[in-house]
Amino acid sequence: MHDPRGNDGRQREPGEVSPWALAGLGVQFAVALVLFGFAGQWVDQRFNSSPVGLLTGVLVGAGGTFYLSVRRLSAPRKPVSPPDDPTLP
């Protein structure tokens, strides 16, 4: 059975997103920027193309993560069904 409460114990509405999920998206965004930035810097050093590789890496990392974040947050969610409790009317 699905528990609609988040990690903070508060009852959530069916379409509401946990604050921890949003914090995770922020961490994912930062990690993607750093990794793609290092990859772009490596390309710049390898092909002597400074700063094109770094800028491209940061833009690809930011754009890709932004797209995936928006897609995840705007995905339709199925409604949470109430628990089966025989004591409820």
Protein backbone atom coordinates (compact mmCIF):
# COMPACT_ATOMS: atom_id res chain seq x y z
CA MET A 1 0.00 0.00 0.00
CA HIS A 2 1.24 3.49 -0.80
CA ASP A 3 1.70 5.87 2.10
CA PRO A 4 0.92 9.46 0.98
CA ARG A 5 2.88 10.93 3.86
CA GLY A 6 6.33 12.30 3.13
CA ASN A 7 9.46 11.95 5.24
CA ASP A 8 8.29 14.80 7.44
CA GLY A 9 5.15 12.82 8.45
CA ARG A 10 2.76 15.40 7.00
CA GLN A 11 -0.20 14.24 4.91
CA ARG A 12 0.37 15.17 1.25
CA GLU A 13 -2.11 16.02 -1.44
CA PRO A 14 -2.12 13.58 -4.40
CA GLY A 15 -0.18 15.90 -6.75
CA GLU A 16 2.13 17.46 -4.16
CA VAL A 17 5.90 16.94 -4.44
CA SER A 18 8.04 16.26 -1.39
CA PRO A 19 10.54 18.98 -0.45
CA TRP A 20 13.21 16.26 -0.32
CA ALA A 21 12.52 15.43 -3.96
CA LEU A 22 13.03 19.09 -4.85
CA ALA A 23 16.29 19.19 -2.86
CA GLY A 24 17.41 16.10 -4.75
CA LEU A 25 16.78 17.89 -8.03
CA GLY A 26 18.99 20.76 -6.87
CA VAL A 27 21.81 18.39 -5.99
CA GLN A 28 21.38 16.62 -9.34
CA PHE A 29 21.59 19.98 -11.13
CA ALA A 30 24.79 20.97 -9.29
CA VAL A 31 26.46 17.60 -9.90
CA ALA A 32 25.59 17.73 -13.61
CA LEU A 33 27.08 21.22 -13.92
CA VAL A 34 30.31 20.15 -12.25
CA LEU A 35 30.69 16.93 -14.24
CA PHE A 36 29.87 18.47 -17.61
CA GLY A 37 32.10 21.44 -16.73
CA PHE A 38 35.04 19.14 -16.08
CA ALA A 39 34.30 17.23 -19.29
CA GLY A 40 34.25 20.51 -21.22
CA GLN A 41 37.50 21.59 -19.61
CA TRP A 42 39.09 18.27 -20.61
CA VAL A 43 37.92 18.83 -24.22
CA ASP A 44 39.43 22.34 -24.13
CA GLN A 45 42.79 21.02 -22.94
CA ARG A 46 42.78 18.13 -25.40
CA PHE A 47 41.86 20.16 -28.50
CA ASN A 48 43.07 23.63 -27.41
CA SER A 49 39.60 25.10 -27.88
CA SER A 50 39.26 27.17 -24.72
CA PRO A 51 36.55 28.26 -23.61
CA VAL A 52 34.23 26.60 -26.16
CA GLY A 53 34.32 23.14 -24.54
CA LEU A 54 33.73 24.43 -21.03
CA LEU A 55 30.81 26.63 -22.07
CA THR A 56 29.28 23.86 -24.17
CA GLY A 57 29.66 21.37 -21.33
CA VAL A 58 28.03 23.65 -18.78
CA LEU A 59 25.18 24.52 -21.16
CA VAL A 60 24.55 20.88 -22.05
CA GLY A 61 24.64 19.86 -18.38
CA ALA A 62 22.31 22.66 -17.31
CA GLY A 63 19.93 22.25 -20.24
CA GLY A 64 19.69 18.49 -19.95
CA THR A 65 19.15 18.53 -16.20
CA PHE A 66 16.60 21.34 -16.50
CA TYR A 67 14.68 19.40 -19.16
CA LEU A 68 14.65 16.20 -17.09
CA SER A 69 13.62 18.11 -13.95
CA VAL A 70 10.70 19.84 -15.66
CA ARG A 71 9.65 16.56 -17.22
CA ARG A 72 9.75 14.78 -13.86
CA LEU A 73 7.87 17.53 -12.01
CA SER A 74 5.16 17.90 -14.65
CA ALA A 75 4.56 14.15 -15.08
CA PRO A 76 0.99 13.13 -14.30
CA ARG A 77 0.64 11.34 -11.02
CA LYS A 78 -1.98 8.76 -10.24
CA PRO A 79 -4.25 9.72 -7.35
CA VAL A 80 -3.62 8.08 -4.02
CA SER A 81 -6.45 5.78 -3.01
CA PRO A 82 -7.64 5.87 0.59
CA PRO A 83 -6.49 3.00 2.80
CA ASP A 84 -8.78 0.01 3.19
CA ASP A 85 -9.98 0.42 6.76
CA PRO A 86 -13.04 -1.61 7.74
CA THR A 87 -13.76 0.72 10.69
CA LEU A 88 -14.42 3.69 8.39
CA PRO A 89 -18.02 4.23 7.22
